[in-house]
Amino acid sequence: MQAQTCASVSREDEKISKVINHVLTQVFGEEATDLIYRHLERAHSIKRDEVASKIDVFAKGLEEFLSSGAYAVERKILEDIYSSYGSLRRLEIEKDQMGSDFVDQIKCLVRKA
């Protein structure tokens, strides 16, 4: 049972990491996205493939790097993640997350998957 749970979490982490990478690339382009990832690795010891599993560190590093602009990027990441789930599932998740911050919402998504 434990292996299945870990595999499920790993798939969710991968799904979330792909969305995060897509949004960063869409918003900033490839070069700036690489710059963001280098900052995260240098300043916070978080690698590109660890972003979802260390979402709190990612959010802190992104907020350091982008200042108040990070909130718009986090919102876009959440929108894209929510849209990747079915509409009923999305409504259930959004209802549960009213008032939660970015990190809490991502952690909740991984737990519910």
C-alpha atoms as a PDB file:
ATOM      1  CA  MET A   1       0.000   0.000   0.000  1.00  0.00           C
ATOM      2  CA  GLN A   2       2.826   2.403   0.879  1.00  0.00           C
ATOM      3  CA  ALA A   3       4.503   1.940  -2.540  1.00  0.00           C
ATOM      4  CA  GLN A   4       1.255   2.775  -4.306  1.00  0.00           C
ATOM      5  CA  THR A   5       0.829   5.912  -2.215  1.00  0.00           C
ATOM      6  CA  CYS A   6       4.402   7.018  -2.954  1.00  0.00           C
ATOM      7  CA  ALA A   7       3.946   6.326  -6.664  1.00  0.00           C
ATOM      8  CA  SER A   8       0.720   8.327  -6.665  1.00  0.00           C
ATOM      9  CA  VAL A   9       2.386  11.258  -4.923  1.00  0.00           C
ATOM     10  CA  SER A  10       5.301  11.036  -7.354  1.00  0.00           C
ATOM     11  CA  ARG A  11       2.915  11.193 -10.352  1.00  0.00           C
ATOM     12  CA  GLU A  12       1.188  14.197  -8.831  1.00  0.00           C
ATOM     13  CA  ASP A  13       4.536  15.872  -8.136  1.00  0.00           C
ATOM     14  CA  GLU A  14       5.530  15.272 -11.744  1.00  0.00           C
ATOM     15  CA  LYS A  15       2.232  16.657 -13.018  1.00  0.00           C
ATOM     16  CA  ILE A  16       2.565  19.765 -10.833  1.00  0.00           C
ATOM     17  CA  SER A  17       6.219  20.254 -11.824  1.00  0.00           C
ATOM     18  CA  LYS A  18       5.286  20.109 -15.514  1.00  0.00           C
ATOM     19  CA  VAL A  19       2.576  22.720 -15.043  1.00  0.00           C
ATOM     20  CA  ILE A  20       4.925  24.979 -13.089  1.00  0.00           C
ATOM     21  CA  ASN A  21       7.604  24.678 -15.772  1.00  0.00           C
ATOM     22  CA  HIS A  22       5.056  25.324 -18.527  1.00  0.00           C
ATOM     23  CA  VAL A  23       3.709  28.447 -16.816  1.00  0.00           C
ATOM     24  CA  LEU A  24       7.176  29.836 -16.098  1.00  0.00           C
ATOM     25  CA  THR A  25       8.223  29.251 -19.708  1.00  0.00           C
ATOM     26  CA  GLN A  26       4.970  30.699 -21.046  1.00  0.00           C
ATOM     27  CA  VAL A  27       5.278  33.841 -18.914  1.00  0.00           C
ATOM     28  CA  PHE A  28       9.033  34.450 -19.011  1.00  0.00           C
ATOM     29  CA  GLY A  29      10.459  32.435 -21.903  1.00  0.00           C
ATOM     30  CA  GLU A  30      13.062  29.701 -21.758  1.00  0.00           C
ATOM     31  CA  GLU A  31      16.097  31.805 -20.809  1.00  0.00           C
ATOM     32  CA  ALA A  32      14.438  33.627 -17.920  1.00  0.00           C
ATOM     33  CA  THR A  33      12.888  30.363 -16.692  1.00  0.00           C
ATOM     34  CA  ASP A  34      16.356  28.805 -16.629  1.00  0.00           C
ATOM     35  CA  LEU A  35      17.563  31.844 -14.677  1.00  0.00           C
ATOM     36  CA  ILE A  36      14.775  31.342 -12.109  1.00  0.00           C
ATOM     37  CA  TYR A  37      15.668  27.668 -11.709  1.00  0.00           C
ATOM     38  CA  ARG A  38      19.365  28.541 -11.301  1.00  0.00           C
ATOM     39  CA  HIS A  39      18.432  31.045  -8.589  1.00  0.00           C
ATOM     40  CA  LEU A  40      16.344  28.417  -6.802  1.00  0.00           C
ATOM     41  CA  GLU A  41      19.151  25.886  -6.954  1.00  0.00           C
ATOM     42  CA  ARG A  42      21.843  28.336  -5.866  1.00  0.00           C
ATOM     43  CA  ALA A  43      19.919  30.151  -3.135  1.00  0.00           C
ATOM     44  CA  HIS A  44      17.663  27.343  -1.889  1.00  0.00           C
ATOM     45  CA  SER A  45      19.281  24.072  -3.004  1.00  0.00           C
ATOM     46  CA  ILE A  46      16.143  23.062  -4.904  1.00  0.00           C
ATOM     47  CA  LYS A  47      16.431  21.433  -8.305  1.00  0.00           C
ATOM     48  CA  ARG A  48      13.935  21.694 -11.145  1.00  0.00           C
ATOM     49  CA  ASP A  49      12.611  18.180 -10.521  1.00  0.00           C
ATOM     50  CA  GLU A  50      12.130  18.873  -6.785  1.00  0.00           C
ATOM     51  CA  VAL A  51       9.854  21.893  -7.182  1.00  0.00           C
ATOM     52  CA  ALA A  52       6.570  20.115  -6.443  1.00  0.00           C
ATOM     53  CA  SER A  53       7.906  18.077  -3.538  1.00  0.00           C
ATOM     54  CA  LYS A  54       9.447  21.215  -2.013  1.00  0.00           C
ATOM     55  CA  ILE A  55       6.673  23.612  -2.983  1.00  0.00           C
ATOM     56  CA  ASP A  56       7.146  25.764   0.122  1.00  0.00           C
ATOM     57  CA  VAL A  57      10.809  26.345  -0.753  1.00  0.00           C
ATOM     58  CA  PHE A  58       9.872  26.987  -4.393  1.00  0.00           C
ATOM     59  CA  ALA A  59       7.257  29.581  -3.398  1.00  0.00           C
ATOM     60  CA  LYS A  60       9.678  31.345  -1.057  1.00  0.00           C
ATOM     61  CA  GLY A  61      12.392  31.427  -3.717  1.00  0.00           C
ATOM     62  CA  LEU A  62       9.991  32.616  -6.399  1.00  0.00           C
ATOM     63  CA  GLU A  63       8.726  35.392  -4.125  1.00  0.00           C
ATOM     64  CA  GLU A  64      12.324  36.440  -3.404  1.00  0.00           C
ATOM     65  CA  PHE A  65      13.185  36.458  -7.091  1.00  0.00           C
ATOM     66  CA  LEU A  66      10.033  38.113  -8.446  1.00  0.00           C
ATOM     67  CA  SER A  67       8.865  40.057  -5.402  1.00  0.00           C
ATOM     68  CA  SER A  68       5.155  40.896  -5.696  1.00  0.00           C
ATOM     69  CA  GLY A  69       5.108  39.547  -9.271  1.00  0.00           C
ATOM     70  CA  ALA A  70       5.324  36.041  -7.850  1.00  0.00           C
ATOM     71  CA  TYR A  71       1.689  36.151  -6.768  1.00  0.00           C
ATOM     72  CA  ALA A  72       0.437  36.562 -10.343  1.00  0.00           C
ATOM     73  CA  VAL A  73       2.635  33.659 -11.446  1.00  0.00           C
ATOM     74  CA  GLU A  74       1.423  31.499  -8.543  1.00  0.00           C
ATOM     75  CA  ARG A  75      -2.191  32.293  -9.461  1.00  0.00           C
ATOM     76  CA  LYS A  76      -1.543  31.248 -13.091  1.00  0.00           C
ATOM     77  CA  ILE A  77       0.114  28.040 -11.902  1.00  0.00           C
ATOM     78  CA  LEU A  78      -2.918  27.228  -9.742  1.00  0.00           C
ATOM     79  CA  GLU A  79      -5.338  28.006 -12.588  1.00  0.00           C
ATOM     80  CA  ASP A  80      -3.473  25.666 -14.920  1.00  0.00           C
ATOM     81  CA  ILE A  81      -3.253  22.923 -12.304  1.00  0.00           C
ATOM     82  CA  TYR A  82      -6.958  23.219 -11.534  1.00  0.00           C
ATOM     83  CA  SER A  83      -7.849  23.115 -15.217  1.00  0.00           C
ATOM     84  CA  SER A  84      -5.842  19.907 -15.598  1.00  0.00           C
ATOM     85  CA  TYR A  85      -8.328  18.196 -13.270  1.00  0.00           C
ATOM     86  CA  GLY A  86     -11.873  17.426 -14.382  1.00  0.00           C
ATOM     87  CA  SER A  87     -14.422  20.216 -13.866  1.00  0.00           C
ATOM     88  CA  LEU A  88     -16.221  18.501 -10.956  1.00  0.00           C
ATOM     89  CA  ARG A  89     -12.921  17.688  -9.278  1.00  0.00           C
ATOM     90  CA  ARG A  90     -11.771  21.246  -9.913  1.00  0.00           C
ATOM     91  CA  LEU A  91     -14.866  22.696  -8.208  1.00  0.00           C
ATOM     92  CA  GLU A  92     -14.348  20.391  -5.224  1.00  0.00           C
ATOM     93  CA  ILE A  93     -10.703  21.443  -4.922  1.00  0.00           C
ATOM     94  CA  GLU A  94     -11.441  25.154  -5.341  1.00  0.00           C
ATOM     95  CA  LYS A  95     -14.201  25.018  -2.721  1.00  0.00           C
ATOM     96  CA  ASP A  96     -11.812  23.421  -0.240  1.00  0.00           C
ATOM     97  CA  GLN A  97      -9.132  25.992  -0.982  1.00  0.00           C
ATOM     98  CA  MET A  98     -11.006  29.262  -0.526  1.00  0.00           C
ATOM     99  CA  GLY A  99      -8.692  31.501   1.469  1.00  0.00           C
ATOM    100  CA  SER A 100      -5.706  29.136   1.360  1.00  0.00           C
ATOM    101  CA  ASP A 101      -2.339  30.307   0.134  1.00  0.00           C
ATOM    102  CA  PHE A 102      -0.422  28.901  -2.841  1.00  0.00           C
ATOM    103  CA  VAL A 103       1.638  26.378  -0.861  1.00  0.00           C
ATOM    104  CA  ASP A 104      -1.371  25.042   1.061  1.00  0.00           C
ATOM    105  CA  GLN A 105      -3.353  24.629  -2.149  1.00  0.00           C
ATOM    106  CA  ILE A 106      -0.592  22.653  -3.867  1.00  0.00           C
ATOM    107  CA  LYS A 107      -0.082  20.424  -0.811  1.00  0.00           C
ATOM    108  CA  CYS A 108      -3.806  19.775  -0.651  1.00  0.00           C
ATOM    109  CA  LEU A 109      -3.887  18.812  -4.324  1.00  0.00           C
ATOM    110  CA  VAL A 110      -1.140  16.250  -3.773  1.00  0.00           C
ATOM    111  CA  ARG A 111      -2.883  14.807  -0.696  1.00  0.00           C
ATOM    112  CA  LYS A 112      -6.234  14.482  -2.485  1.00  0.00           C
ATOM    113  CA  ALA A 113      -4.821  12.831  -5.585  1.00  0.00           C
END
